[in-house]
Amino acid sequence: MGSNDLNGKHVLIESGGGVGDLIMFTPALRRLKELHPQCILTFLTIDKTADVINRLPYIDKVICIRRGRFMGRYRVLPDLVKQDYFVFTEWQPQLLFCAWLLHLPNRFSIPRTGNPLTRTLHKYITDSVSQSPNFAAQTNAKLLSETLEIKLDGDMTHCDVSIPDAFEKQAVDQLLHEIGLGKNDDFMALSPFTSADGRDWSLTESKRLVQMVEKKYQLPVVLLGNKDRDVSRVSRYSLLKKTNIMQLIEVIRRAKCLVSPDSGPMHIAGALSVPCVALFSRDLPSRWAPKYDCYPIYLKCECSPCSSEIFNHCPYQLKCIRDITAEMVMEKLNVILEKRI
């Protein structure tokens, strides 16, 4: 790894992944800005997750691909032409082709075998989070170090997230009031759903966990998530489908702890130092679990970890997540709650 001087240079980094994918870039981006404070750092992502990082002081600009809108990807071209470096951590053929046509410099991405656009790249990305068992934030730092020819050293285990403003905090006060909680009341958060149905935690086990927590700790359990499900039998405190991303961050920030599968809320809790019981299925805790105040449950099934393609057609009835019981989660929660209540 070299010692390239990025001061005064425009650097664009792309990730169109979910909330956790963005959060896992923050340690490397923070360190990049510390080492090259005059670098103009732009992050390209999708509109539904941009708020997660768009208030971080070390990112100069966050631009969005608006999926589903006419010419959605091409609306970012005015920002692309200003850049000195392009790091596409995912395959973006339309934007790569445009960058090549415009003779824009220093184009980096993961190569695609047999795809002619691979030849338009100046440098291939050889490090990939999906190929390494190491903590994703550390892999991202290595990826950026190699592509930009810099050395991103130091601690990569502390992640960041945008902090809600006063208006958003007041909105959460109202949301909690509507479900019968005061703004200063203690509660635990439970987010059983993910972006993929197969990784969701059982509502039957969720209900049993809520009953255990309420019986032992007299602690309300607030349900979070973005899926339209009937959870009235799970908990009477539901904010399901009621929060935007910034309100979700604020609710998690106020919670005594969070229970969640390996998904965005888990990463938000990690960035906010909120204790979390993380339920892992097809992926590795070593790769994704927050390094502090996280209590992962991973059954280490003989078929784990596996690819999303295999997981979506699992021959083992998704036992890696289905076999996680309320008792297993409660054992972890006891460690957390007995310190905090």
C-alpha atoms as a PDB file:
ATOM      1  CA  MET A   1       0.000   0.000   0.000  1.00  0.00           C
ATOM      2  CA  GLY A   2       1.298   3.406  -0.969  1.00  0.00           C
ATOM      3  CA  SER A   3       1.221   6.921   0.378  1.00  0.00           C
ATOM      4  CA  ASN A   4      -0.846   8.665  -2.280  1.00  0.00           C
ATOM      5  CA  ASP A   5      -1.763  12.256  -1.332  1.00  0.00           C
ATOM      6  CA  LEU A   6      -5.509  12.751  -1.741  1.00  0.00           C
ATOM      7  CA  ASN A   7      -5.618  16.304  -0.389  1.00  0.00           C
ATOM      8  CA  GLY A   8      -7.431  18.471  -2.900  1.00  0.00           C
ATOM      9  CA  LYS A   9      -8.678  15.416  -4.786  1.00  0.00           C
ATOM     10  CA  HIS A  10     -12.310  14.475  -5.356  1.00  0.00           C
ATOM     11  CA  VAL A  11     -12.981  10.873  -4.312  1.00  0.00           C
ATOM     12  CA  LEU A  12     -16.273   9.071  -4.921  1.00  0.00           C
ATOM     13  CA  ILE A  13     -17.064   5.797  -3.148  1.00  0.00           C
ATOM     14  CA  GLU A  14     -20.155   3.775  -4.028  1.00  0.00           C
ATOM     15  CA  SER A  15     -22.166   1.227  -2.076  1.00  0.00           C
ATOM     16  CA  GLY A  16     -25.760   0.479  -2.944  1.00  0.00           C
ATOM     17  CA  GLY A  17     -26.200  -1.968  -0.092  1.00  0.00           C
ATOM     18  CA  GLY A  18     -28.354  -1.799   2.984  1.00  0.00           C
ATOM     19  CA  VAL A  19     -28.045   0.154   6.214  1.00  0.00           C
ATOM     20  CA  GLY A  20     -25.391  -2.156   7.615  1.00  0.00           C
ATOM     21  CA  ASP A  21     -23.274  -1.991   4.471  1.00  0.00           C
ATOM     22  CA  LEU A  22     -23.093   1.801   4.734  1.00  0.00           C
ATOM     23  CA  ILE A  23     -22.367   1.821   8.458  1.00  0.00           C
ATOM     24  CA  MET A  24     -19.507  -0.620   7.906  1.00  0.00           C
ATOM     25  CA  PHE A  25     -17.777   1.932   5.673  1.00  0.00           C
ATOM     26  CA  THR A  26     -17.749   4.681   8.296  1.00  0.00           C
ATOM     27  CA  PRO A  27     -14.521   3.781  10.163  1.00  0.00           C
ATOM     28  CA  ALA A  28     -12.525   3.773   6.916  1.00  0.00           C
ATOM     29  CA  LEU A  29     -14.132   7.006   5.677  1.00  0.00           C
ATOM     30  CA  ARG A  30     -13.459   8.718   8.999  1.00  0.00           C
ATOM     31  CA  ARG A  31      -9.811   7.654   8.915  1.00  0.00           C
ATOM     32  CA  LEU A  32      -9.444   8.687   5.278  1.00  0.00           C
ATOM     33  CA  LYS A  33     -10.599  12.198   6.153  1.00  0.00           C
ATOM     34  CA  GLU A  34      -8.303  12.352   9.190  1.00  0.00           C
ATOM     35  CA  LEU A  35      -5.292  11.510   7.032  1.00  0.00           C
ATOM     36  CA  HIS A  36      -6.344  13.625   4.037  1.00  0.00           C
ATOM     37  CA  PRO A  37      -8.437  16.470   5.495  1.00  0.00           C
ATOM     38  CA  GLN A  38      -8.532  18.424   2.221  1.00  0.00           C
ATOM     39  CA  CYS A  39      -9.888  15.456   0.271  1.00  0.00           C
ATOM     40  CA  ILE A  40     -13.405  16.081  -1.078  1.00  0.00           C
ATOM     41  CA  LEU A  41     -15.241  12.882  -0.194  1.00  0.00           C
ATOM     42  CA  THR A  42     -18.496  11.929  -1.918  1.00  0.00           C
ATOM     43  CA  PHE A  43     -20.507   8.798  -1.159  1.00  0.00           C
ATOM     44  CA  LEU A  44     -22.931   7.337  -3.695  1.00  0.00           C
ATOM     45  CA  THR A  45     -25.746   5.090  -2.488  1.00  0.00           C
ATOM     46  CA  ILE A  46     -29.486   4.510  -2.888  1.00  0.00           C
ATOM     47  CA  ASP A  47     -32.017   7.027  -1.653  1.00  0.00           C
ATOM     48  CA  LYS A  48     -33.723   4.831   0.950  1.00  0.00           C
ATOM     49  CA  THR A  49     -30.548   4.407   3.026  1.00  0.00           C
ATOM     50  CA  ALA A  50     -28.749   7.720   2.423  1.00  0.00           C
ATOM     51  CA  ASP A  51     -29.969   9.314   5.676  1.00  0.00           C
ATOM     52  CA  VAL A  52     -27.964   6.769   7.656  1.00  0.00           C
ATOM     53  CA  ILE A  53     -24.699   8.553   6.803  1.00  0.00           C
ATOM     54  CA  ASN A  54     -25.581  11.926   5.279  1.00  0.00           C
ATOM     55  CA  ARG A  55     -24.976  13.886   8.514  1.00  0.00           C
ATOM     56  CA  LEU A  56     -21.514  12.535   9.238  1.00  0.00           C
ATOM     57  CA  PRO A  57     -19.058  15.453   9.251  1.00  0.00           C
ATOM     58  CA  TYR A  58     -16.280  13.657   7.388  1.00  0.00           C
ATOM     59  CA  ILE A  59     -18.418  12.940   4.306  1.00  0.00           C
ATOM     60  CA  ASP A  60     -18.646  16.076   2.190  1.00  0.00           C
ATOM     61  CA  LYS A  61     -21.588  14.961   0.077  1.00  0.00           C
ATOM     62  CA  VAL A  62     -23.963  12.016  -0.198  1.00  0.00           C
ATOM     63  CA  ILE A  63     -25.596  11.508  -3.586  1.00  0.00           C
ATOM     64  CA  CYS A  64     -28.373   9.047  -4.335  1.00  0.00           C
ATOM     65  CA  ILE A  65     -29.421   6.661  -7.038  1.00  0.00           C
ATOM     66  CA  ARG A  66     -33.203   6.940  -7.095  1.00  0.00           C
ATOM     67  CA  ARG A  67     -34.351   3.503  -8.144  1.00  0.00           C
ATOM     68  CA  GLY A  68     -37.639   3.339  -9.976  1.00  0.00           C
ATOM     69  CA  ARG A  69     -37.399   6.892 -11.303  1.00  0.00           C
ATOM     70  CA  PHE A  70     -36.830   7.736 -14.949  1.00  0.00           C
ATOM     71  CA  MET A  71     -33.092   7.988 -15.632  1.00  0.00           C
ATOM     72  CA  GLY A  72     -32.560   7.408 -11.915  1.00  0.00           C
ATOM     73  CA  ARG A  73     -28.965   6.245 -12.198  1.00  0.00           C
ATOM     74  CA  TYR A  74     -27.975   8.893 -14.712  1.00  0.00           C
ATOM     75  CA  ARG A  75     -29.098  11.816 -12.554  1.00  0.00           C
ATOM     76  CA  VAL A  76     -25.806  11.500 -10.661  1.00  0.00           C
ATOM     77  CA  LEU A  77     -23.652  12.161 -13.753  1.00  0.00           C
ATOM     78  CA  PRO A  78     -23.092  15.879 -12.955  1.00  0.00           C
ATOM     79  CA  ASP A  79     -21.419  14.796  -9.716  1.00  0.00           C
ATOM     80  CA  LEU A  80     -19.421  12.060 -11.426  1.00  0.00           C
ATOM     81  CA  VAL A  81     -17.652  14.385 -13.843  1.00  0.00           C
ATOM     82  CA  LYS A  82     -16.059  16.263 -10.915  1.00  0.00           C
ATOM     83  CA  GLN A  83     -14.310  13.216  -9.478  1.00  0.00           C
ATOM     84  CA  ASP A  84     -10.643  12.220  -9.597  1.00  0.00           C
ATOM     85  CA  TYR A  85     -11.260   8.716  -8.214  1.00  0.00           C
ATOM     86  CA  PHE A  86     -14.208   6.332  -8.541  1.00  0.00           C
ATOM     87  CA  VAL A  87     -14.464   3.309  -6.250  1.00  0.00           C
ATOM     88  CA  PHE A  88     -17.508   1.199  -7.104  1.00  0.00           C
ATOM     89  CA  THR A  89     -17.736  -1.512  -4.453  1.00  0.00           C
ATOM     90  CA  GLU A  90     -20.625  -3.064  -6.383  1.00  0.00           C
ATOM     91  CA  TRP A  91     -20.983  -3.676 -10.101  1.00  0.00           C
ATOM     92  CA  GLN A  92     -22.533  -0.552 -11.665  1.00  0.00           C
ATOM     93  CA  PRO A  93     -22.307  -1.184 -15.424  1.00  0.00           C
ATOM     94  CA  GLN A  94     -24.281   1.881 -16.534  1.00  0.00           C
ATOM     95  CA  LEU A  95     -22.207   4.308 -14.482  1.00  0.00           C
ATOM     96  CA  LEU A  96     -18.931   2.592 -15.345  1.00  0.00           C
ATOM     97  CA  PHE A  97     -19.754   2.848 -19.026  1.00  0.00           C
ATOM     98  CA  CYS A  98     -20.577   6.557 -18.651  1.00  0.00           C
ATOM     99  CA  ALA A  99     -17.337   7.163 -16.733  1.00  0.00           C
ATOM    100  CA  TRP A 100     -15.400   5.417 -19.499  1.00  0.00           C
ATOM    101  CA  LEU A 101     -17.158   7.374 -22.266  1.00  0.00           C
ATOM    102  CA  LEU A 102     -16.369  10.631 -20.484  1.00  0.00           C
ATOM    103  CA  HIS A 103     -12.705   9.597 -20.041  1.00  0.00           C
ATOM    104  CA  LEU A 104     -12.993  10.060 -16.292  1.00  0.00           C
ATOM    105  CA  PRO A 105      -9.871   8.916 -14.414  1.00  0.00           C
ATOM    106  CA  ASN A 106      -9.122   6.193 -11.871  1.00  0.00           C
ATOM    107  CA  ARG A 107     -12.072   3.828 -12.148  1.00  0.00           C
ATOM    108  CA  PHE A 108     -12.070   0.917  -9.696  1.00  0.00           C
ATOM    109  CA  SER A 109     -14.575  -1.913  -9.302  1.00  0.00           C
ATOM    110  CA  ILE A 110     -14.930  -5.646  -8.795  1.00  0.00           C
ATOM    111  CA  PRO A 111     -14.320  -7.254 -12.226  1.00  0.00           C
ATOM    112  CA  ARG A 112     -16.915  -9.410 -13.934  1.00  0.00           C
ATOM    113  CA  THR A 113     -15.510 -12.363 -15.847  1.00  0.00           C
ATOM    114  CA  GLY A 114     -16.415 -12.171 -19.518  1.00  0.00           C
ATOM    115  CA  ASN A 115     -18.019  -8.733 -19.243  1.00  0.00           C
ATOM    116  CA  PRO A 116     -16.425  -6.299 -21.719  1.00  0.00           C
ATOM    117  CA  LEU A 117     -16.931  -3.399 -19.302  1.00  0.00           C
ATOM    118  CA  THR A 118     -14.300  -4.960 -17.062  1.00  0.00           C
ATOM    119  CA  ARG A 119     -11.741  -3.672 -19.559  1.00  0.00           C
ATOM    120  CA  THR A 120     -12.816  -0.085 -18.828  1.00  0.00           C
ATOM    121  CA  LEU A 121     -11.468  -0.315 -15.267  1.00  0.00           C
ATOM    122  CA  HIS A 122      -8.124   1.144 -14.282  1.00  0.00           C
ATOM    123  CA  LYS A 123      -7.799  -1.212 -11.344  1.00  0.00           C
ATOM    124  CA  TYR A 124      -9.629  -4.261 -10.056  1.00  0.00           C
ATOM    125  CA  ILE A 125     -10.918  -4.504  -6.495  1.00  0.00           C
ATOM    126  CA  THR A 126      -9.589  -7.766  -5.107  1.00  0.00           C
ATOM    127  CA  ASP A 127     -10.848  -7.462  -1.523  1.00  0.00           C
ATOM    128  CA  SER A 128     -14.526  -8.131  -0.926  1.00  0.00           C
ATOM    129  CA  VAL A 129     -16.545  -8.296   2.276  1.00  0.00           C
ATOM    130  CA  SER A 130     -18.384 -11.382   1.037  1.00  0.00           C
ATOM    131  CA  GLN A 131     -15.109 -13.241   0.492  1.00  0.00           C
ATOM    132  CA  SER A 132     -13.495 -12.534   3.857  1.00  0.00           C
ATOM    133  CA  PRO A 133     -14.459 -13.815   7.319  1.00  0.00           C
ATOM    134  CA  ASN A 134     -12.926 -10.699   8.880  1.00  0.00           C
ATOM    135  CA  PHE A 135     -14.907  -7.780  10.276  1.00  0.00           C
ATOM    136  CA  ALA A 136     -16.492  -5.986   7.309  1.00  0.00           C
ATOM    137  CA  ALA A 137     -15.265  -2.536   8.373  1.00  0.00           C
ATOM    138  CA  GLN A 138     -11.682  -3.796   8.396  1.00  0.00           C
ATOM    139  CA  THR A 139     -12.117  -5.378   4.964  1.00  0.00           C
ATOM    140  CA  ASN A 140     -13.530  -2.098   3.637  1.00  0.00           C
ATOM    141  CA  ALA A 141     -10.497  -0.225   4.980  1.00  0.00           C
ATOM    142  CA  LYS A 142      -8.204  -2.669   3.205  1.00  0.00           C
ATOM    143  CA  LEU A 143     -10.237  -2.326   0.005  1.00  0.00           C
ATOM    144  CA  LEU A 144      -9.969   1.475   0.007  1.00  0.00           C
ATOM    145  CA  SER A 145      -6.300   1.359   0.978  1.00  0.00           C
ATOM    146  CA  GLU A 146      -5.414  -0.798  -1.994  1.00  0.00           C
ATOM    147  CA  THR A 147      -7.531   0.984  -4.580  1.00  0.00           C
ATOM    148  CA  LEU A 148      -6.572   4.524  -3.535  1.00  0.00           C
ATOM    149  CA  GLU A 149      -2.946   3.592  -2.754  1.00  0.00           C
ATOM    150  CA  ILE A 150      -3.093   4.940   0.784  1.00  0.00           C
ATOM    151  CA  LYS A 151      -2.731   3.371   4.226  1.00  0.00           C
ATOM    152  CA  LEU A 152      -5.865   3.427   6.338  1.00  0.00           C
ATOM    153  CA  ASP A 153      -4.470   2.242   9.642  1.00  0.00           C
ATOM    154  CA  GLY A 154      -5.820   2.323  13.174  1.00  0.00           C
ATOM    155  CA  ASP A 155      -9.039   1.205  14.840  1.00  0.00           C
ATOM    156  CA  MET A 156     -11.803   0.121  12.454  1.00  0.00           C
ATOM    157  CA  THR A 157     -14.173  -1.273  15.071  1.00  0.00           C
ATOM    158  CA  HIS A 158     -16.088   1.897  16.005  1.00  0.00           C
ATOM    159  CA  CYS A 159     -18.807   2.751  13.496  1.00  0.00           C
ATOM    160  CA  ASP A 160     -20.906   5.899  13.121  1.00  0.00           C
ATOM    161  CA  VAL A 161     -24.460   6.775  12.144  1.00  0.00           C
ATOM    162  CA  SER A 162     -26.356  10.028  11.555  1.00  0.00           C
ATOM    163  CA  ILE A 163     -27.814  11.505  14.750  1.00  0.00           C
ATOM    164  CA  PRO A 164     -31.468  12.649  14.759  1.00  0.00           C
ATOM    165  CA  ASP A 165     -32.222  16.338  15.215  1.00  0.00           C
ATOM    166  CA  ALA A 166     -34.601  17.955  17.717  1.00  0.00           C
ATOM    167  CA  PHE A 167     -37.582  17.737  15.364  1.00  0.00           C
ATOM    168  CA  GLU A 168     -37.040  14.011  14.813  1.00  0.00           C
ATOM    169  CA  LYS A 169     -36.684  13.427  18.545  1.00  0.00           C
ATOM    170  CA  GLN A 170     -40.002  15.197  19.147  1.00  0.00           C
ATOM    171  CA  ALA A 171     -41.608  12.993  16.492  1.00  0.00           C
ATOM    172  CA  VAL A 172     -40.407   9.921  18.400  1.00  0.00           C
ATOM    173  CA  ASP A 173     -41.816  11.379  21.637  1.00  0.00           C
ATOM    174  CA  GLN A 174     -45.193  11.466  19.890  1.00  0.00           C
ATOM    175  CA  LEU A 175     -44.858   7.964  18.428  1.00  0.00           C
ATOM    176  CA  LEU A 176     -44.089   6.541  21.864  1.00  0.00           C
ATOM    177  CA  HIS A 177     -46.988   8.483  23.378  1.00  0.00           C
ATOM    178  CA  GLU A 178     -49.346   6.969  20.805  1.00  0.00           C
ATOM    179  CA  ILE A 179     -48.470   3.433  21.935  1.00  0.00           C
ATOM    180  CA  GLY A 180     -48.730   4.286  25.624  1.00  0.00           C
ATOM    181  CA  LEU A 181     -45.133   5.114  26.566  1.00  0.00           C
ATOM    182  CA  GLY A 182     -43.695   8.330  27.938  1.00  0.00           C
ATOM    183  CA  LYS A 183     -40.605   9.856  26.394  1.00  0.00           C
ATOM    184  CA  ASN A 184     -38.532   8.927  29.460  1.00  0.00           C
ATOM    185  CA  ASP A 185     -39.946   5.422  29.948  1.00  0.00           C
ATOM    186  CA  ASP A 186     -37.599   2.453  29.781  1.00  0.00           C
ATOM    187  CA  PHE A 187     -38.212  -0.145  27.082  1.00  0.00           C
ATOM    188  CA  MET A 188     -36.522  -2.859  25.081  1.00  0.00           C
ATOM    189  CA  ALA A 189     -36.647  -2.910  21.273  1.00  0.00           C
ATOM    190  CA  LEU A 190     -37.341  -6.027  19.221  1.00  0.00           C
ATOM    191  CA  SER A 191     -36.908  -6.000  15.447  1.00  0.00           C
ATOM    192  CA  PRO A 192     -37.671  -9.534  14.229  1.00  0.00           C
ATOM    193  CA  PHE A 193     -37.868  -8.706  10.523  1.00  0.00           C
ATOM    194  CA  THR A 194     -35.226  -8.242   7.826  1.00  0.00           C
ATOM    195  CA  SER A 195     -35.201  -7.366   4.139  1.00  0.00           C
ATOM    196  CA  ALA A 196     -35.383 -11.107   3.334  1.00  0.00           C
ATOM    197  CA  ASP A 197     -38.233 -13.193   4.741  1.00  0.00           C
ATOM    198  CA  GLY A 198     -35.973 -16.200   5.273  1.00  0.00           C
ATOM    199  CA  ARG A 199     -33.848 -14.303   7.805  1.00  0.00           C
ATOM    200  CA  ASP A 200     -36.823 -13.138   9.891  1.00  0.00           C
ATOM    201  CA  TRP A 201     -37.068 -14.470  13.418  1.00  0.00           C
ATOM    202  CA  SER A 202     -40.148 -16.494  14.301  1.00  0.00           C
ATOM    203  CA  LEU A 203     -43.106 -14.468  15.587  1.00  0.00           C
ATOM    204  CA  THR A 204     -43.982 -17.391  17.840  1.00  0.00           C
ATOM    205  CA  GLU A 205     -40.590 -17.160  19.529  1.00  0.00           C
ATOM    206  CA  SER A 206     -40.826 -13.364  19.519  1.00  0.00           C
ATOM    207  CA  LYS A 207     -44.108 -13.567  21.437  1.00  0.00           C
ATOM    208  CA  ARG A 208     -42.602 -15.975  23.968  1.00  0.00           C
ATOM    209  CA  LEU A 209     -39.619 -13.661  24.455  1.00  0.00           C
ATOM    210  CA  VAL A 210     -41.873 -10.653  25.053  1.00  0.00           C
ATOM    211  CA  GLN A 211     -43.763 -12.598  27.710  1.00  0.00           C
ATOM    212  CA  MET A 212     -40.519 -13.611  29.434  1.00  0.00           C
ATOM    213  CA  VAL A 213     -39.148 -10.058  29.461  1.00  0.00           C
ATOM    214  CA  GLU A 214     -42.388  -8.540  30.726  1.00  0.00           C
ATOM    215  CA  LYS A 215     -42.715 -11.161  33.459  1.00  0.00           C
ATOM    216  CA  LYS A 216     -39.145 -10.938  34.750  1.00  0.00           C
ATOM    217  CA  TYR A 217     -38.291  -7.270  34.193  1.00  0.00           C
ATOM    218  CA  GLN A 218     -41.694  -5.551  33.779  1.00  0.00           C
ATOM    219  CA  LEU A 219     -40.123  -3.931  30.723  1.00  0.00           C
ATOM    220  CA  PRO A 220     -42.212  -2.918  27.691  1.00  0.00           C
ATOM    221  CA  VAL A 221     -40.997  -4.458  24.426  1.00  0.00           C
ATOM    222  CA  VAL A 222     -41.381  -2.147  21.421  1.00  0.00           C
ATOM    223  CA  LEU A 223     -41.623  -3.864  18.043  1.00  0.00           C
ATOM    224  CA  LEU A 224     -39.770  -2.257  15.143  1.00  0.00           C
ATOM    225  CA  GLY A 225     -39.617  -3.029  11.451  1.00  0.00           C
ATOM    226  CA  ASN A 226     -40.792  -2.134   8.002  1.00  0.00           C
ATOM    227  CA  LYS A 227     -43.029  -5.087   7.183  1.00  0.00           C
ATOM    228  CA  ASP A 228     -46.805  -5.078   7.198  1.00  0.00           C
ATOM    229  CA  ARG A 229     -47.560  -7.891   9.637  1.00  0.00           C
ATOM    230  CA  ASP A 230     -50.154  -8.436  12.332  1.00  0.00           C
ATOM    231  CA  VAL A 231     -48.092  -8.385  15.518  1.00  0.00           C
ATOM    232  CA  SER A 232     -50.907  -7.548  17.923  1.00  0.00           C
ATOM    233  CA  ARG A 233     -50.456 -10.915  19.641  1.00  0.00           C
ATOM    234  CA  VAL A 234     -46.707 -10.413  20.015  1.00  0.00           C
ATOM    235  CA  SER A 235     -46.624  -7.057  21.824  1.00  0.00           C
ATOM    236  CA  ARG A 236     -49.063  -4.246  22.447  1.00  0.00           C
ATOM    237  CA  TYR A 237     -46.228  -1.774  21.864  1.00  0.00           C
ATOM    238  CA  SER A 238     -45.745  -1.719  18.108  1.00  0.00           C
ATOM    239  CA  LEU A 239     -44.066   0.871  15.897  1.00  0.00           C
ATOM    240  CA  LEU A 240     -44.123  -1.469  12.921  1.00  0.00           C
ATOM    241  CA  LYS A 241     -44.292   0.539   9.663  1.00  0.00           C
ATOM    242  CA  LYS A 242     -44.481   3.784  11.682  1.00  0.00           C
ATOM    243  CA  THR A 243     -40.884   5.062  11.629  1.00  0.00           C
ATOM    244  CA  ASN A 244     -38.637   6.509   8.977  1.00  0.00           C
ATOM    245  CA  ILE A 245     -34.928   5.750   9.163  1.00  0.00           C
ATOM    246  CA  MET A 246     -34.061   8.702  11.431  1.00  0.00           C
ATOM    247  CA  GLN A 247     -36.925   7.932  13.804  1.00  0.00           C
ATOM    248  CA  LEU A 248     -35.788   4.303  13.874  1.00  0.00           C
ATOM    249  CA  ILE A 249     -32.311   5.459  14.891  1.00  0.00           C
ATOM    250  CA  GLU A 250     -33.780   7.566  17.693  1.00  0.00           C
ATOM    251  CA  VAL A 251     -35.977   4.743  19.017  1.00  0.00           C
ATOM    252  CA  ILE A 252     -33.004   2.380  19.106  1.00  0.00           C
ATOM    253  CA  ARG A 253     -30.887   5.080  20.776  1.00  0.00           C
ATOM    254  CA  ARG A 254     -33.403   5.285  23.635  1.00  0.00           C
ATOM    255  CA  ALA A 255     -33.820   1.528  24.093  1.00  0.00           C
ATOM    256  CA  LYS A 256     -32.222  -0.341  26.976  1.00  0.00           C
ATOM    257  CA  CYS A 257     -31.225  -2.966  24.441  1.00  0.00           C
ATOM    258  CA  LEU A 258     -32.202  -4.409  21.076  1.00  0.00           C
ATOM    259  CA  VAL A 259     -32.929  -7.911  19.821  1.00  0.00           C
ATOM    260  CA  SER A 260     -32.550  -8.232  16.070  1.00  0.00           C
ATOM    261  CA  PRO A 261     -31.428 -10.596  13.346  1.00  0.00           C
ATOM    262  CA  ASP A 262     -28.281  -9.700  11.418  1.00  0.00           C
ATOM    263  CA  SER A 263     -29.795  -6.602   9.809  1.00  0.00           C
ATOM    264  CA  GLY A 264     -29.779  -2.804   9.752  1.00  0.00           C
ATOM    265  CA  PRO A 265     -31.112  -2.226  13.295  1.00  0.00           C
ATOM    266  CA  MET A 266     -28.269  -4.358  14.697  1.00  0.00           C
ATOM    267  CA  HIS A 267     -25.716  -2.109  12.997  1.00  0.00           C
ATOM    268  CA  ILE A 268     -27.491   1.033  14.198  1.00  0.00           C
ATOM    269  CA  ALA A 269     -27.365  -0.279  17.767  1.00  0.00           C
ATOM    270  CA  GLY A 270     -23.658  -1.012  17.371  1.00  0.00           C
ATOM    271  CA  ALA A 271     -22.946   2.512  16.137  1.00  0.00           C
ATOM    272  CA  LEU A 272     -24.918   3.981  19.065  1.00  0.00           C
ATOM    273  CA  SER A 273     -23.360   1.690  21.715  1.00  0.00           C
ATOM    274  CA  VAL A 274     -26.766   0.209  22.518  1.00  0.00           C
ATOM    275  CA  PRO A 275     -26.447  -3.411  23.719  1.00  0.00           C
ATOM    276  CA  CYS A 276     -27.770  -5.871  21.169  1.00  0.00           C
ATOM    277  CA  VAL A 277     -28.594  -9.558  20.984  1.00  0.00           C
ATOM    278  CA  ALA A 278     -27.903 -10.374  17.334  1.00  0.00           C
ATOM    279  CA  LEU A 279     -29.476 -13.433  15.716  1.00  0.00           C
ATOM    280  CA  PHE A 280     -27.259 -14.809  12.955  1.00  0.00           C
ATOM    281  CA  SER A 281     -28.393 -17.228  10.290  1.00  0.00           C
ATOM    282  CA  ARG A 282     -26.540 -17.630   6.992  1.00  0.00           C
ATOM    283  CA  ASP A 283     -23.697 -15.184   7.673  1.00  0.00           C
ATOM    284  CA  LEU A 284     -20.816 -14.906  10.121  1.00  0.00           C
ATOM    285  CA  PRO A 285     -20.760 -12.916  13.383  1.00  0.00           C
ATOM    286  CA  SER A 286     -17.031 -12.391  12.807  1.00  0.00           C
ATOM    287  CA  ARG A 287     -17.931 -10.459   9.660  1.00  0.00           C
ATOM    288  CA  TRP A 288     -20.939  -8.428  10.744  1.00  0.00           C
ATOM    289  CA  ALA A 289     -21.534  -8.409  14.518  1.00  0.00           C
ATOM    290  CA  PRO A 290     -20.695  -5.089  16.238  1.00  0.00           C
ATOM    291  CA  LYS A 291     -17.493  -5.393  18.230  1.00  0.00           C
ATOM    292  CA  TYR A 292     -18.849  -3.859  21.435  1.00  0.00           C
ATOM    293  CA  ASP A 293     -21.954  -4.597  23.538  1.00  0.00           C
ATOM    294  CA  CYS A 294     -23.109  -7.232  21.061  1.00  0.00           C
ATOM    295  CA  TYR A 295     -24.163 -10.717  22.125  1.00  0.00           C
ATOM    296  CA  PRO A 296     -24.488 -12.811  18.966  1.00  0.00           C
ATOM    297  CA  ILE A 297     -26.374 -16.082  18.744  1.00  0.00           C
ATOM    298  CA  TYR A 298     -25.029 -18.303  15.975  1.00  0.00           C
ATOM    299  CA  LEU A 299     -25.959 -21.975  15.810  1.00  0.00           C
ATOM    300  CA  LYS A 300     -22.980 -22.905  13.608  1.00  0.00           C
ATOM    301  CA  CYS A 301     -25.021 -25.220  11.424  1.00  0.00           C
ATOM    302  CA  GLU A 302     -22.904 -27.445   9.220  1.00  0.00           C
ATOM    303  CA  CYS A 303     -24.246 -25.630   6.145  1.00  0.00           C
ATOM    304  CA  SER A 304     -23.399 -22.134   7.451  1.00  0.00           C
ATOM    305  CA  PRO A 305     -22.288 -19.740   6.165  1.00  0.00           C
ATOM    306  CA  CYS A 306     -23.971 -20.023   2.783  1.00  0.00           C
ATOM    307  CA  SER A 307     -24.723 -17.842  -0.229  1.00  0.00           C
ATOM    308  CA  SER A 308     -27.991 -15.959  -0.624  1.00  0.00           C
ATOM    309  CA  GLU A 309     -28.876 -18.214  -3.572  1.00  0.00           C
ATOM    310  CA  ILE A 310     -28.580 -21.359  -1.446  1.00  0.00           C
ATOM    311  CA  PHE A 311     -30.302 -19.702   1.506  1.00  0.00           C
ATOM    312  CA  ASN A 312     -33.292 -18.735  -0.638  1.00  0.00           C
ATOM    313  CA  HIS A 313     -33.767 -22.407  -1.538  1.00  0.00           C
ATOM    314  CA  CYS A 314     -32.642 -23.893   1.763  1.00  0.00           C
ATOM    315  CA  PRO A 315     -33.065 -27.697   1.935  1.00  0.00           C
ATOM    316  CA  TYR A 316     -32.838 -27.605   5.744  1.00  0.00           C
ATOM    317  CA  GLN A 317     -35.928 -25.458   6.471  1.00  0.00           C
ATOM    318  CA  LEU A 318     -33.770 -22.497   7.516  1.00  0.00           C
ATOM    319  CA  LYS A 319     -32.903 -24.165  10.794  1.00  0.00           C
ATOM    320  CA  CYS A 320     -30.059 -21.677  11.343  1.00  0.00           C
ATOM    321  CA  ILE A 321     -32.635 -19.002  12.253  1.00  0.00           C
ATOM    322  CA  ARG A 322     -35.748 -21.110  12.940  1.00  0.00           C
ATOM    323  CA  ASP A 323     -34.021 -23.070  15.715  1.00  0.00           C
ATOM    324  CA  ILE A 324     -33.088 -19.958  17.719  1.00  0.00           C
ATOM    325  CA  THR A 325     -35.412 -20.033  20.715  1.00  0.00           C
ATOM    326  CA  ALA A 326     -36.698 -17.405  23.104  1.00  0.00           C
ATOM    327  CA  GLU A 327     -34.768 -19.145  25.891  1.00  0.00           C
ATOM    328  CA  MET A 328     -31.491 -18.673  24.020  1.00  0.00           C
ATOM    329  CA  VAL A 329     -32.202 -14.982  23.579  1.00  0.00           C
ATOM    330  CA  MET A 330     -33.346 -14.560  27.176  1.00  0.00           C
ATOM    331  CA  GLU A 331     -30.079 -16.014  28.422  1.00  0.00           C
ATOM    332  CA  LYS A 332     -28.210 -13.223  26.621  1.00  0.00           C
ATOM    333  CA  LEU A 333     -30.707 -10.579  27.710  1.00  0.00           C
ATOM    334  CA  ASN A 334     -30.241 -11.495  31.350  1.00  0.00           C
ATOM    335  CA  VAL A 335     -26.572 -10.529  31.064  1.00  0.00           C
ATOM    336  CA  ILE A 336     -27.544  -7.143  29.610  1.00  0.00           C
ATOM    337  CA  LEU A 337     -30.636  -6.208  31.587  1.00  0.00           C
ATOM    338  CA  GLU A 338     -29.390  -7.178  35.019  1.00  0.00           C
ATOM    339  CA  LYS A 339     -26.719  -4.501  34.548  1.00  0.00           C
ATOM    340  CA  ARG A 340     -29.038  -1.822  33.159  1.00  0.00           C
ATOM    341  CA  ILE A 341     -32.243  -2.062  35.192  1.00  0.00           C
END
